[in-house]
């Protein structure tokens, strides 16, 4: 039977190590190198087992009886004792390898099993459409108009990605399986609570009706094991009726406003509380085919407080110049909101 060069090299190395280790005790200086060689490749283990098998052929009473002299019998017995010690050492080494491999395989297998999705769904809503759904664990989900969300449940975690828009969550409590929302600018983690997340282009707003919510700005999320609390000062914990926002720079701040406003969309109502033109434009765009955009300088932004029914969005846009210093114009396929001061400066 022919062998490849790699097999021949492994066999030769196995014979060399077999000779060395015959007289080696557990404290032999070469034992660590031998074990390193043995564990480095499965071919080494196979080659060494073959050499041991050949040696076992001599370990029999029939061969012992045919030896011609007592001296030969004595030498053979000594060699047999050494071979048994070697086989014992090999057995122990291979047993350690087996159980180590079994343990590692079992760990990664368990982790893979834990992370295997048990439920996955994508929910997107059209302009003006609101969608409600009860998830498999009893969690209630409400998705606002023109929003996009993805939900994945595993055995160790319930994860939501809010890709666009706004959603509210009434979470079924499960201490062994936290509920995590990735909103782009922040990661929100809860166990059991009712809260809402509103994702705008330049900020994310989190409003908690009841319960406890942990907010970590995405910018400061770290996997460094040496500094798990390195950015602890940027982490917020919200409780009953508290609201916070995270901006593009990862800065988180608490807002003095009612959390209840964040859930008004569930009843077909839009609530603006000291809202700027950008927030108003993005919110209104969720309810009309013709999108709304805002154009303004930072020092010229307006602040508007209003409560309207979503079905009266067009009426609100038409009356906006009456209730605030805002000009509404239609340019092509877009409605544009600009502060009146900006318009005056353009004319100059």
C-alpha atoms as a PDB file:
ATOM      1  CA  UNK A   1       0.000   0.000   0.000  1.00  0.00           C
ATOM      2  CA  UNK A   2       1.422   3.369  -1.008  1.00  0.00           C
ATOM      3  CA  UNK A   3       1.490   6.362   1.304  1.00  0.00           C
ATOM      4  CA  UNK A   4       1.696  10.045   0.517  1.00  0.00           C
ATOM      5  CA  UNK A   5       4.791  12.022   1.612  1.00  0.00           C
ATOM      6  CA  UNK A   6       2.749  13.619   4.384  1.00  0.00           C
ATOM      7  CA  UNK A   7       1.688  10.192   5.688  1.00  0.00           C
ATOM      8  CA  UNK A   8       5.258   8.912   5.547  1.00  0.00           C
ATOM      9  CA  UNK A   9       6.530  11.955   7.413  1.00  0.00           C
ATOM     10  CA  UNK A  10       3.827  11.525  10.050  1.00  0.00           C
ATOM     11  CA  UNK A  11       4.713   7.813  10.407  1.00  0.00           C
ATOM     12  CA  UNK A  12       8.424   8.568  10.787  1.00  0.00           C
ATOM     13  CA  UNK A  13       7.748  11.253  13.379  1.00  0.00           C
ATOM     14  CA  UNK A  14       5.398   8.883  15.225  1.00  0.00           C
ATOM     15  CA  UNK A  15       8.103   6.181  15.390  1.00  0.00           C
ATOM     16  CA  UNK A  16      10.615   8.738  16.653  1.00  0.00           C
ATOM     17  CA  UNK A  17       8.267   9.925  19.388  1.00  0.00           C
ATOM     18  CA  UNK A  18       7.295   6.354  20.276  1.00  0.00           C
ATOM     19  CA  UNK A  19      10.958   5.477  20.914  1.00  0.00           C
ATOM     20  CA  UNK A  20      11.527   8.624  22.971  1.00  0.00           C
ATOM     21  CA  UNK A  21       8.394   8.216  25.051  1.00  0.00           C
ATOM     22  CA  UNK A  22       8.928   4.544  25.924  1.00  0.00           C
ATOM     23  CA  UNK A  23      11.133   5.442  28.877  1.00  0.00           C
ATOM     24  CA  UNK A  24       9.584   8.843  29.542  1.00  0.00           C
ATOM     25  CA  UNK A  25       7.735   9.460  32.768  1.00  0.00           C
ATOM     26  CA  UNK A  26       5.048  12.091  33.253  1.00  0.00           C
ATOM     27  CA  UNK A  27       7.683  14.737  34.108  1.00  0.00           C
ATOM     28  CA  UNK A  28       9.873  14.090  31.061  1.00  0.00           C
ATOM     29  CA  UNK A  29      10.985  17.412  29.475  1.00  0.00           C
ATOM     30  CA  UNK A  30       9.997  16.158  26.001  1.00  0.00           C
ATOM     31  CA  UNK A  31       6.451  15.249  26.988  1.00  0.00           C
ATOM     32  CA  UNK A  32       5.044  18.728  26.388  1.00  0.00           C
ATOM     33  CA  UNK A  33       6.602  18.817  22.898  1.00  0.00           C
ATOM     34  CA  UNK A  34       5.238  15.341  22.207  1.00  0.00           C
ATOM     35  CA  UNK A  35       1.722  16.324  23.265  1.00  0.00           C
ATOM     36  CA  UNK A  36       1.950  19.505  21.194  1.00  0.00           C
ATOM     37  CA  UNK A  37       2.931  17.463  18.142  1.00  0.00           C
ATOM     38  CA  UNK A  38       0.220  14.881  18.817  1.00  0.00           C
ATOM     39  CA  UNK A  39      -2.515  17.525  19.128  1.00  0.00           C
ATOM     40  CA  UNK A  40      -1.422  19.622  16.180  1.00  0.00           C
ATOM     41  CA  UNK A  41      -2.975  17.411  13.471  1.00  0.00           C
ATOM     42  CA  UNK A  42      -5.323  14.395  13.232  1.00  0.00           C
ATOM     43  CA  UNK A  43      -2.800  12.670  10.923  1.00  0.00           C
ATOM     44  CA  UNK A  44      -0.274  12.653  13.776  1.00  0.00           C
ATOM     45  CA  UNK A  45      -2.772  10.960  16.051  1.00  0.00           C
ATOM     46  CA  UNK A  46      -3.584   8.297  13.446  1.00  0.00           C
ATOM     47  CA  UNK A  47       0.109   7.625  12.778  1.00  0.00           C
ATOM     48  CA  UNK A  48       0.903   7.266  16.468  1.00  0.00           C
ATOM     49  CA  UNK A  49      -2.033   4.906  16.998  1.00  0.00           C
ATOM     50  CA  UNK A  50      -0.747   2.719  14.140  1.00  0.00           C
ATOM     51  CA  UNK A  51       2.698   2.530  15.718  1.00  0.00           C
ATOM     52  CA  UNK A  52       1.151   1.590  19.047  1.00  0.00           C
ATOM     53  CA  UNK A  53      -0.942  -1.086  17.335  1.00  0.00           C
ATOM     54  CA  UNK A  54       2.194  -2.625  15.815  1.00  0.00           C
ATOM     55  CA  UNK A  55       3.837  -2.667  19.226  1.00  0.00           C
ATOM     56  CA  UNK A  56       0.826  -4.395  20.740  1.00  0.00           C
ATOM     57  CA  UNK A  57       1.472  -7.328  18.432  1.00  0.00           C
ATOM     58  CA  UNK A  58       4.465  -8.214  20.585  1.00  0.00           C
ATOM     59  CA  UNK A  59       2.436  -7.975  23.763  1.00  0.00           C
ATOM     60  CA  UNK A  60       1.075 -11.567  23.896  1.00  0.00           C
ATOM     61  CA  UNK A  61       1.761 -14.696  25.922  1.00  0.00           C
ATOM     62  CA  UNK A  62       2.213 -16.788  22.744  1.00  0.00           C
ATOM     63  CA  UNK A  63       5.132 -14.659  21.603  1.00  0.00           C
ATOM     64  CA  UNK A  64       6.544 -14.734  25.094  1.00  0.00           C
ATOM     65  CA  UNK A  65       6.579 -18.556  25.199  1.00  0.00           C
ATOM     66  CA  UNK A  66       8.524 -18.764  21.955  1.00  0.00           C
ATOM     67  CA  UNK A  67      11.384 -16.599  23.161  1.00  0.00           C
ATOM     68  CA  UNK A  68      14.514 -18.751  23.538  1.00  0.00           C
ATOM     69  CA  UNK A  69      15.978 -17.566  26.793  1.00  0.00           C
ATOM     70  CA  UNK A  70      15.083 -16.211  30.163  1.00  0.00           C
ATOM     71  CA  UNK A  71      17.080 -13.118  29.334  1.00  0.00           C
ATOM     72  CA  UNK A  72      14.949 -12.540  26.247  1.00  0.00           C
ATOM     73  CA  UNK A  73      11.842 -13.061  28.371  1.00  0.00           C
ATOM     74  CA  UNK A  74      13.136 -10.536  30.915  1.00  0.00           C
ATOM     75  CA  UNK A  75      13.880  -7.939  28.216  1.00  0.00           C
ATOM     76  CA  UNK A  76      10.505  -8.565  26.616  1.00  0.00           C
ATOM     77  CA  UNK A  77       8.649  -8.153  29.930  1.00  0.00           C
ATOM     78  CA  UNK A  78      10.473  -4.888  30.605  1.00  0.00           C
ATOM     79  CA  UNK A  79       9.536  -3.637  27.156  1.00  0.00           C
ATOM     80  CA  UNK A  80       5.954  -4.776  27.686  1.00  0.00           C
ATOM     81  CA  UNK A  81       5.733  -2.851  30.959  1.00  0.00           C
ATOM     82  CA  UNK A  82       7.079   0.239  29.241  1.00  0.00           C
ATOM     83  CA  UNK A  83       4.648  -0.179  26.352  1.00  0.00           C
ATOM     84  CA  UNK A  84       1.737  -0.432  28.780  1.00  0.00           C
ATOM     85  CA  UNK A  85       2.809   2.813  30.436  1.00  0.00           C
ATOM     86  CA  UNK A  86       3.069   4.449  27.028  1.00  0.00           C
ATOM     87  CA  UNK A  87      -0.341   3.167  25.975  1.00  0.00           C
ATOM     88  CA  UNK A  88      -1.793   4.423  29.251  1.00  0.00           C
ATOM     89  CA  UNK A  89      -0.303   7.867  28.635  1.00  0.00           C
ATOM     90  CA  UNK A  90      -1.597   7.864  25.050  1.00  0.00           C
ATOM     91  CA  UNK A  91      -5.042   6.799  26.191  1.00  0.00           C
ATOM     92  CA  UNK A  92      -5.134   9.602  28.735  1.00  0.00           C
ATOM     93  CA  UNK A  93      -3.935  12.152  26.170  1.00  0.00           C
ATOM     94  CA  UNK A  94      -6.475  11.035  23.577  1.00  0.00           C
ATOM     95  CA  UNK A  95      -9.202  11.017  26.231  1.00  0.00           C
ATOM     96  CA  UNK A  96      -8.358  14.607  27.153  1.00  0.00           C
ATOM     97  CA  UNK A  97      -8.436  15.511  23.453  1.00  0.00           C
ATOM     98  CA  UNK A  98     -11.777  13.795  22.990  1.00  0.00           C
ATOM     99  CA  UNK A  99     -13.504  15.411  25.946  1.00  0.00           C
ATOM    100  CA  UNK A 100     -11.965  18.804  25.143  1.00  0.00           C
ATOM    101  CA  UNK A 101     -13.247  18.554  21.574  1.00  0.00           C
ATOM    102  CA  UNK A 102     -16.607  17.334  22.883  1.00  0.00           C
ATOM    103  CA  UNK A 103     -16.790  20.253  25.308  1.00  0.00           C
ATOM    104  CA  UNK A 104     -15.838  22.865  22.704  1.00  0.00           C
ATOM    105  CA  UNK A 105     -18.190  21.354  20.162  1.00  0.00           C
ATOM    106  CA  UNK A 106     -20.950  21.207  22.731  1.00  0.00           C
ATOM    107  CA  UNK A 107     -20.448  24.860  23.722  1.00  0.00           C
ATOM    108  CA  UNK A 108     -20.532  26.159  20.173  1.00  0.00           C
ATOM    109  CA  UNK A 109     -23.363  23.817  19.347  1.00  0.00           C
ATOM    110  CA  UNK A 110     -25.346  25.141  22.307  1.00  0.00           C
ATOM    111  CA  UNK A 111     -24.563  28.752  21.334  1.00  0.00           C
ATOM    112  CA  UNK A 112     -25.636  28.046  17.768  1.00  0.00           C
ATOM    113  CA  UNK A 113     -28.841  26.460  19.056  1.00  0.00           C
ATOM    114  CA  UNK A 114     -29.488  29.439  21.321  1.00  0.00           C
ATOM    115  CA  UNK A 115     -28.992  31.907  18.444  1.00  0.00           C
ATOM    116  CA  UNK A 116     -31.105  29.973  15.963  1.00  0.00           C
ATOM    117  CA  UNK A 117     -34.127  32.139  15.003  1.00  0.00           C
ATOM    118  CA  UNK A 118     -37.409  30.799  16.335  1.00  0.00           C
ATOM    119  CA  UNK A 119     -39.433  33.569  14.696  1.00  0.00           C
ATOM    120  CA  UNK A 120     -38.650  36.124  12.031  1.00  0.00           C
ATOM    121  CA  UNK A 121     -40.926  38.682  10.446  1.00  0.00           C
ATOM    122  CA  UNK A 122     -40.680  41.937   8.521  1.00  0.00           C
ATOM    123  CA  UNK A 123     -43.404  44.542   8.804  1.00  0.00           C
ATOM    124  CA  UNK A 124     -43.645  47.619   6.640  1.00  0.00           C
ATOM    125  CA  UNK A 125     -46.526  50.049   6.394  1.00  0.00           C
ATOM    126  CA  UNK A 126     -47.628  52.168   3.481  1.00  0.00           C
ATOM    127  CA  UNK A 127     -48.222  55.899   3.619  1.00  0.00           C
ATOM    128  CA  UNK A 128     -51.090  56.599   5.997  1.00  0.00           C
ATOM    129  CA  UNK A 129     -51.327  52.952   7.124  1.00  0.00           C
ATOM    130  CA  UNK A 130     -50.990  51.818  10.750  1.00  0.00           C
ATOM    131  CA  UNK A 131     -50.406  48.152  11.554  1.00  0.00           C
ATOM    132  CA  UNK A 132     -50.869  46.300  14.838  1.00  0.00           C
ATOM    133  CA  UNK A 133     -49.738  42.772  15.654  1.00  0.00           C
ATOM    134  CA  UNK A 134     -49.375  40.477  18.656  1.00  0.00           C
ATOM    135  CA  UNK A 135     -46.107  38.520  18.545  1.00  0.00           C
ATOM    136  CA  UNK A 136     -45.669  34.901  19.606  1.00  0.00           C
ATOM    137  CA  UNK A 137     -44.730  35.771  23.197  1.00  0.00           C
ATOM    138  CA  UNK A 138     -47.675  38.118  23.703  1.00  0.00           C
ATOM    139  CA  UNK A 139     -45.763  41.322  22.942  1.00  0.00           C
ATOM    140  CA  UNK A 140     -47.986  43.922  21.262  1.00  0.00           C
ATOM    141  CA  UNK A 141     -46.492  45.821  18.347  1.00  0.00           C
ATOM    142  CA  UNK A 142     -47.899  48.956  16.692  1.00  0.00           C
ATOM    143  CA  UNK A 143     -46.160  50.274  13.559  1.00  0.00           C
ATOM    144  CA  UNK A 144     -46.887  53.813  12.436  1.00  0.00           C
ATOM    145  CA  UNK A 145     -47.415  54.915   8.838  1.00  0.00           C
ATOM    146  CA  UNK A 146     -44.583  54.671   6.292  1.00  0.00           C
ATOM    147  CA  UNK A 147     -42.393  52.659   8.670  1.00  0.00           C
ATOM    148  CA  UNK A 148     -40.203  49.600   8.234  1.00  0.00           C
ATOM    149  CA  UNK A 149     -39.368  47.120  10.982  1.00  0.00           C
ATOM    150  CA  UNK A 150     -37.783  43.673  11.272  1.00  0.00           C
ATOM    151  CA  UNK A 151     -38.337  41.299  14.202  1.00  0.00           C
ATOM    152  CA  UNK A 152     -36.195  38.243  15.029  1.00  0.00           C
ATOM    153  CA  UNK A 153     -36.701  36.003  18.064  1.00  0.00           C
ATOM    154  CA  UNK A 154     -34.082  33.526  19.270  1.00  0.00           C
ATOM    155  CA  UNK A 155     -34.027  31.425  22.443  1.00  0.00           C
ATOM    156  CA  UNK A 156     -31.788  33.965  24.205  1.00  0.00           C
ATOM    157  CA  UNK A 157     -32.991  37.304  22.820  1.00  0.00           C
ATOM    158  CA  UNK A 158     -35.837  39.166  21.115  1.00  0.00           C
ATOM    159  CA  UNK A 159     -34.419  41.678  18.626  1.00  0.00           C
ATOM    160  CA  UNK A 160     -36.065  44.379  16.552  1.00  0.00           C
ATOM    161  CA  UNK A 161     -34.494  46.589  13.900  1.00  0.00           C
ATOM    162  CA  UNK A 162     -36.403  49.822  13.308  1.00  0.00           C
ATOM    163  CA  UNK A 163     -35.193  50.719   9.838  1.00  0.00           C
ATOM    164  CA  UNK A 164     -37.510  53.647   9.313  1.00  0.00           C
ATOM    165  CA  UNK A 165     -40.374  55.432  11.034  1.00  0.00           C
ATOM    166  CA  UNK A 166     -42.044  54.848  14.362  1.00  0.00           C
ATOM    167  CA  UNK A 167     -43.320  51.961  16.468  1.00  0.00           C
ATOM    168  CA  UNK A 168     -44.638  51.300  19.948  1.00  0.00           C
ATOM    169  CA  UNK A 169     -44.076  48.146  21.988  1.00  0.00           C
ATOM    170  CA  UNK A 170     -45.946  46.600  24.908  1.00  0.00           C
ATOM    171  CA  UNK A 171     -43.422  43.967  25.939  1.00  0.00           C
ATOM    172  CA  UNK A 172     -44.278  40.612  27.503  1.00  0.00           C
ATOM    173  CA  UNK A 173     -41.891  40.265  30.429  1.00  0.00           C
ATOM    174  CA  UNK A 174     -39.240  37.548  30.166  1.00  0.00           C
ATOM    175  CA  UNK A 175     -36.065  37.998  32.297  1.00  0.00           C
ATOM    176  CA  UNK A 176     -34.311  35.190  30.397  1.00  0.00           C
ATOM    177  CA  UNK A 177     -34.916  36.768  26.993  1.00  0.00           C
ATOM    178  CA  UNK A 178     -34.406  40.556  26.847  1.00  0.00           C
ATOM    179  CA  UNK A 179     -36.113  42.660  24.196  1.00  0.00           C
ATOM    180  CA  UNK A 180     -33.647  44.767  22.177  1.00  0.00           C
ATOM    181  CA  UNK A 181     -34.493  47.477  19.642  1.00  0.00           C
ATOM    182  CA  UNK A 182     -31.833  48.706  17.221  1.00  0.00           C
ATOM    183  CA  UNK A 183     -32.938  52.159  16.094  1.00  0.00           C
ATOM    184  CA  UNK A 184     -29.824  53.090  14.154  1.00  0.00           C
ATOM    185  CA  UNK A 185     -28.566  55.752  16.561  1.00  0.00           C
ATOM    186  CA  UNK A 186     -29.222  53.808  19.751  1.00  0.00           C
ATOM    187  CA  UNK A 187     -29.790  50.343  21.191  1.00  0.00           C
ATOM    188  CA  UNK A 188     -32.756  50.073  23.545  1.00  0.00           C
ATOM    189  CA  UNK A 189     -32.948  47.100  25.947  1.00  0.00           C
ATOM    190  CA  UNK A 190     -35.952  46.165  28.084  1.00  0.00           C
ATOM    191  CA  UNK A 191     -37.381  43.195  29.958  1.00  0.00           C
ATOM    192  CA  UNK A 192     -41.028  44.145  30.265  1.00  0.00           C
ATOM    193  CA  UNK A 193     -42.453  47.590  29.594  1.00  0.00           C
ATOM    194  CA  UNK A 194     -44.428  49.776  27.210  1.00  0.00           C
ATOM    195  CA  UNK A 195     -42.436  52.263  25.186  1.00  0.00           C
ATOM    196  CA  UNK A 196     -42.265  53.912  21.769  1.00  0.00           C
ATOM    197  CA  UNK A 197     -39.360  54.639  19.417  1.00  0.00           C
ATOM    198  CA  UNK A 198     -39.507  57.370  16.795  1.00  0.00           C
ATOM    199  CA  UNK A 199     -36.678  57.389  14.267  1.00  0.00           C
ATOM    200  CA  UNK A 200     -35.997  60.619  12.402  1.00  0.00           C
ATOM    201  CA  UNK A 201     -33.132  61.334  10.010  1.00  0.00           C
ATOM    202  CA  UNK A 202     -31.143  63.302  12.594  1.00  0.00           C
ATOM    203  CA  UNK A 203     -32.332  61.867  15.918  1.00  0.00           C
ATOM    204  CA  UNK A 204     -34.144  59.047  17.704  1.00  0.00           C
ATOM    205  CA  UNK A 205     -36.744  59.677  20.406  1.00  0.00           C
ATOM    206  CA  UNK A 206     -37.603  57.076  23.048  1.00  0.00           C
ATOM    207  CA  UNK A 207     -40.699  57.500  25.212  1.00  0.00           C
ATOM    208  CA  UNK A 208     -41.490  55.190  28.140  1.00  0.00           C
ATOM    209  CA  UNK A 209     -45.064  54.781  29.306  1.00  0.00           C
ATOM    210  CA  UNK A 210     -44.159  52.424  32.166  1.00  0.00           C
ATOM    211  CA  UNK A 211     -41.321  50.085  33.086  1.00  0.00           C
ATOM    212  CA  UNK A 212     -37.569  50.510  32.729  1.00  0.00           C
ATOM    213  CA  UNK A 213     -35.633  51.047  29.484  1.00  0.00           C
ATOM    214  CA  UNK A 214     -31.869  51.111  28.996  1.00  0.00           C
ATOM    215  CA  UNK A 215     -30.598  53.308  26.143  1.00  0.00           C
ATOM    216  CA  UNK A 216     -27.091  53.013  24.720  1.00  0.00           C
ATOM    217  CA  UNK A 217     -26.055  55.417  21.945  1.00  0.00           C
ATOM    218  CA  UNK A 218     -24.778  53.352  19.023  1.00  0.00           C
ATOM    219  CA  UNK A 219     -21.630  55.436  18.826  1.00  0.00           C
ATOM    220  CA  UNK A 220     -20.494  54.276  22.257  1.00  0.00           C
ATOM    221  CA  UNK A 221     -21.358  50.606  22.011  1.00  0.00           C
ATOM    222  CA  UNK A 222     -18.167  48.617  22.582  1.00  0.00           C
ATOM    223  CA  UNK A 223     -17.137  44.981  22.694  1.00  0.00           C
ATOM    224  CA  UNK A 224     -13.926  45.697  24.625  1.00  0.00           C
ATOM    225  CA  UNK A 225     -13.892  43.245  27.510  1.00  0.00           C
ATOM    226  CA  UNK A 226     -11.303  45.351  29.358  1.00  0.00           C
ATOM    227  CA  UNK A 227     -13.572  48.372  29.525  1.00  0.00           C
ATOM    228  CA  UNK A 228     -17.230  47.293  29.582  1.00  0.00           C
ATOM    229  CA  UNK A 229     -18.271  50.479  31.417  1.00  0.00           C
ATOM    230  CA  UNK A 230     -16.014  52.852  29.538  1.00  0.00           C
ATOM    231  CA  UNK A 231     -18.945  54.829  28.160  1.00  0.00           C
ATOM    232  CA  UNK A 232     -21.264  54.376  31.117  1.00  0.00           C
ATOM    233  CA  UNK A 233     -21.828  58.121  31.400  1.00  0.00           C
ATOM    234  CA  UNK A 234     -23.541  58.081  27.981  1.00  0.00           C
ATOM    235  CA  UNK A 235     -26.024  55.349  28.936  1.00  0.00           C
ATOM    236  CA  UNK A 236     -29.495  56.469  29.999  1.00  0.00           C
ATOM    237  CA  UNK A 237     -32.103  54.624  32.036  1.00  0.00           C
ATOM    238  CA  UNK A 238     -35.674  55.766  31.482  1.00  0.00           C
ATOM    239  CA  UNK A 239     -38.633  54.979  33.699  1.00  0.00           C
ATOM    240  CA  UNK A 240     -42.330  55.807  33.841  1.00  0.00           C
ATOM    241  CA  UNK A 241     -43.355  58.782  31.676  1.00  0.00           C
ATOM    242  CA  UNK A 242     -39.782  59.742  30.732  1.00  0.00           C
ATOM    243  CA  UNK A 243     -38.560  60.763  27.281  1.00  0.00           C
ATOM    244  CA  UNK A 244     -35.076  61.046  25.781  1.00  0.00           C
ATOM    245  CA  UNK A 245     -33.457  61.780  22.422  1.00  0.00           C
ATOM    246  CA  UNK A 246     -30.160  60.704  20.851  1.00  0.00           C
ATOM    247  CA  UNK A 247     -28.676  62.799  18.049  1.00  0.00           C
ATOM    248  CA  UNK A 248     -26.231  61.945  15.259  1.00  0.00           C
ATOM    249  CA  UNK A 249     -23.251  62.700  17.523  1.00  0.00           C
ATOM    250  CA  UNK A 250     -24.362  60.088  20.050  1.00  0.00           C
ATOM    251  CA  UNK A 251     -25.411  62.740  22.562  1.00  0.00           C
ATOM    252  CA  UNK A 252     -28.340  61.653  24.709  1.00  0.00           C
ATOM    253  CA  UNK A 253     -30.572  64.054  26.592  1.00  0.00           C
ATOM    254  CA  UNK A 254     -33.763  63.862  28.594  1.00  0.00           C
ATOM    255  CA  UNK A 255     -36.764  65.885  27.462  1.00  0.00           C
ATOM    256  CA  UNK A 256     -39.350  67.626  29.602  1.00  0.00           C
ATOM    257  CA  UNK A 257     -42.400  66.342  27.781  1.00  0.00           C
ATOM    258  CA  UNK A 258     -45.125  63.770  28.225  1.00  0.00           C
ATOM    259  CA  UNK A 259     -44.350  60.251  27.080  1.00  0.00           C
ATOM    260  CA  UNK A 260     -48.036  59.773  26.346  1.00  0.00           C
ATOM    261  CA  UNK A 261     -47.710  61.912  23.200  1.00  0.00           C
ATOM    262  CA  UNK A 262     -45.584  59.205  21.558  1.00  0.00           C
ATOM    263  CA  UNK A 263     -48.515  56.772  21.561  1.00  0.00           C
ATOM    264  CA  UNK A 264     -51.082  59.127  20.032  1.00  0.00           C
ATOM    265  CA  UNK A 265     -50.466  57.735  16.534  1.00  0.00           C
ATOM    266  CA  UNK A 266     -52.126  54.504  17.691  1.00  0.00           C
ATOM    267  CA  UNK A 267     -55.408  56.422  17.793  1.00  0.00           C
ATOM    268  CA  UNK A 268     -54.942  58.317  14.535  1.00  0.00           C
ATOM    269  CA  UNK A 269     -53.618  61.479  16.174  1.00  0.00           C
ATOM    270  CA  UNK A 270     -50.389  63.384  15.492  1.00  0.00           C
ATOM    271  CA  UNK A 271     -48.925  65.324  18.415  1.00  0.00           C
ATOM    272  CA  UNK A 272     -46.256  68.004  17.990  1.00  0.00           C
ATOM    273  CA  UNK A 273     -44.654  69.381  21.149  1.00  0.00           C
ATOM    274  CA  UNK A 274     -42.272  72.251  20.408  1.00  0.00           C
ATOM    275  CA  UNK A 275     -41.409  70.481  17.133  1.00  0.00           C
ATOM    276  CA  UNK A 276     -39.055  71.982  14.570  1.00  0.00           C
ATOM    277  CA  UNK A 277     -39.662  72.052  10.823  1.00  0.00           C
ATOM    278  CA  UNK A 278     -37.569  68.946  10.134  1.00  0.00           C
ATOM    279  CA  UNK A 279     -39.587  66.839  12.586  1.00  0.00           C
ATOM    280  CA  UNK A 280     -42.854  68.215  11.244  1.00  0.00           C
ATOM    281  CA  UNK A 281     -41.865  67.518   7.633  1.00  0.00           C
ATOM    282  CA  UNK A 282     -40.774  63.925   8.324  1.00  0.00           C
ATOM    283  CA  UNK A 283     -43.884  63.197  10.369  1.00  0.00           C
ATOM    284  CA  UNK A 284     -46.303  64.621   7.805  1.00  0.00           C
ATOM    285  CA  UNK A 285     -44.556  62.659   5.020  1.00  0.00           C
ATOM    286  CA  UNK A 286     -45.720  59.454   6.674  1.00  0.00           C
ATOM    287  CA  UNK A 287     -49.311  60.331   5.856  1.00  0.00           C
ATOM    288  CA  UNK A 288     -49.229  61.699   2.309  1.00  0.00           C
ATOM    289  CA  UNK A 289     -48.001  60.526  -1.088  1.00  0.00           C
ATOM    290  CA  UNK A 290     -46.430  63.899  -1.864  1.00  0.00           C
ATOM    291  CA  UNK A 291     -43.498  64.099   0.607  1.00  0.00           C
ATOM    292  CA  UNK A 292     -42.821  67.144   2.759  1.00  0.00           C
ATOM    293  CA  UNK A 293     -39.370  68.640   3.111  1.00  0.00           C
ATOM    294  CA  UNK A 294     -37.988  71.467   5.258  1.00  0.00           C
ATOM    295  CA  UNK A 295     -35.354  74.054   4.442  1.00  0.00           C
ATOM    296  CA  UNK A 296     -34.062  76.462   7.063  1.00  0.00           C
ATOM    297  CA  UNK A 297     -31.008  77.848   8.785  1.00  0.00           C
ATOM    298  CA  UNK A 298     -30.418  76.609  12.320  1.00  0.00           C
ATOM    299  CA  UNK A 299     -31.068  80.015  13.881  1.00  0.00           C
ATOM    300  CA  UNK A 300     -34.300  80.416  11.898  1.00  0.00           C
ATOM    301  CA  UNK A 301     -36.056  77.169  12.798  1.00  0.00           C
ATOM    302  CA  UNK A 302     -39.534  77.418  14.245  1.00  0.00           C
ATOM    303  CA  UNK A 303     -41.160  75.655  17.179  1.00  0.00           C
ATOM    304  CA  UNK A 304     -44.710  74.385  16.803  1.00  0.00           C
ATOM    305  CA  UNK A 305     -47.082  72.710  19.251  1.00  0.00           C
ATOM    306  CA  UNK A 306     -50.209  71.161  17.780  1.00  0.00           C
ATOM    307  CA  UNK A 307     -52.495  68.118  17.954  1.00  0.00           C
ATOM    308  CA  UNK A 308     -54.198  67.027  14.716  1.00  0.00           C
ATOM    309  CA  UNK A 309     -56.028  64.050  13.339  1.00  0.00           C
ATOM    310  CA  UNK A 310     -53.966  62.175  10.749  1.00  0.00           C
ATOM    311  CA  UNK A 311     -56.880  62.302   8.315  1.00  0.00           C
ATOM    312  CA  UNK A 312     -56.678  66.103   8.370  1.00  0.00           C
ATOM    313  CA  UNK A 313     -52.995  66.370   7.389  1.00  0.00           C
ATOM    314  CA  UNK A 314     -53.755  68.342   4.223  1.00  0.00           C
ATOM    315  CA  UNK A 315     -55.856  70.841   6.176  1.00  0.00           C
ATOM    316  CA  UNK A 316     -53.027  71.262   8.699  1.00  0.00           C
ATOM    317  CA  UNK A 317     -50.478  71.945   5.946  1.00  0.00           C
ATOM    318  CA  UNK A 318     -52.795  74.508   4.390  1.00  0.00           C
ATOM    319  CA  UNK A 319     -53.316  76.288   7.751  1.00  0.00           C
ATOM    320  CA  UNK A 320     -49.671  76.043   8.842  1.00  0.00           C
ATOM    321  CA  UNK A 321     -48.753  79.579   7.624  1.00  0.00           C
ATOM    322  CA  UNK A 322     -51.584  80.938   9.767  1.00  0.00           C
ATOM    323  CA  UNK A 323     -50.464  79.306  13.030  1.00  0.00           C
ATOM    324  CA  UNK A 324     -46.699  79.716  12.571  1.00  0.00           C
ATOM    325  CA  UNK A 325     -44.197  81.874  10.616  1.00  0.00           C
ATOM    326  CA  UNK A 326     -43.872  79.234   7.934  1.00  0.00           C
ATOM    327  CA  UNK A 327     -44.297  79.403   4.187  1.00  0.00           C
ATOM    328  CA  UNK A 328     -45.608  76.361   2.313  1.00  0.00           C
ATOM    329  CA  UNK A 329     -44.726  75.942  -1.343  1.00  0.00           C
ATOM    330  CA  UNK A 330     -45.045  73.078  -3.799  1.00  0.00           C
ATOM    331  CA  UNK A 331     -42.022  72.468  -5.982  1.00  0.00           C
ATOM    332  CA  UNK A 332     -42.357  69.609  -8.460  1.00  0.00           C
ATOM    333  CA  UNK A 333     -43.250  66.464  -6.545  1.00  0.00           C
ATOM    334  CA  UNK A 334     -42.480  67.871  -3.085  1.00  0.00           C
ATOM    335  CA  UNK A 335     -44.037  70.244  -0.572  1.00  0.00           C
ATOM    336  CA  UNK A 336     -41.463  72.577   0.971  1.00  0.00           C
ATOM    337  CA  UNK A 337     -41.646  74.225   4.400  1.00  0.00           C
ATOM    338  CA  UNK A 338     -39.469  77.286   5.027  1.00  0.00           C
ATOM    339  CA  UNK A 339     -39.441  79.926   7.750  1.00  0.00           C
ATOM    340  CA  UNK A 340     -40.812  83.219   6.500  1.00  0.00           C
ATOM    341  CA  UNK A 341     -37.644  84.993   7.580  1.00  0.00           C
ATOM    342  CA  UNK A 342     -35.684  82.813   5.166  1.00  0.00           C
ATOM    343  CA  UNK A 343     -38.016  83.847   2.376  1.00  0.00           C
ATOM    344  CA  UNK A 344     -37.558  87.504   3.248  1.00  0.00           C
ATOM    345  CA  UNK A 345     -33.776  87.213   3.222  1.00  0.00           C
ATOM    346  CA  UNK A 346     -33.911  85.528  -0.201  1.00  0.00           C
ATOM    347  CA  UNK A 347     -35.863  88.453  -1.668  1.00  0.00           C
ATOM    348  CA  UNK A 348     -33.233  90.859  -0.384  1.00  0.00           C
END
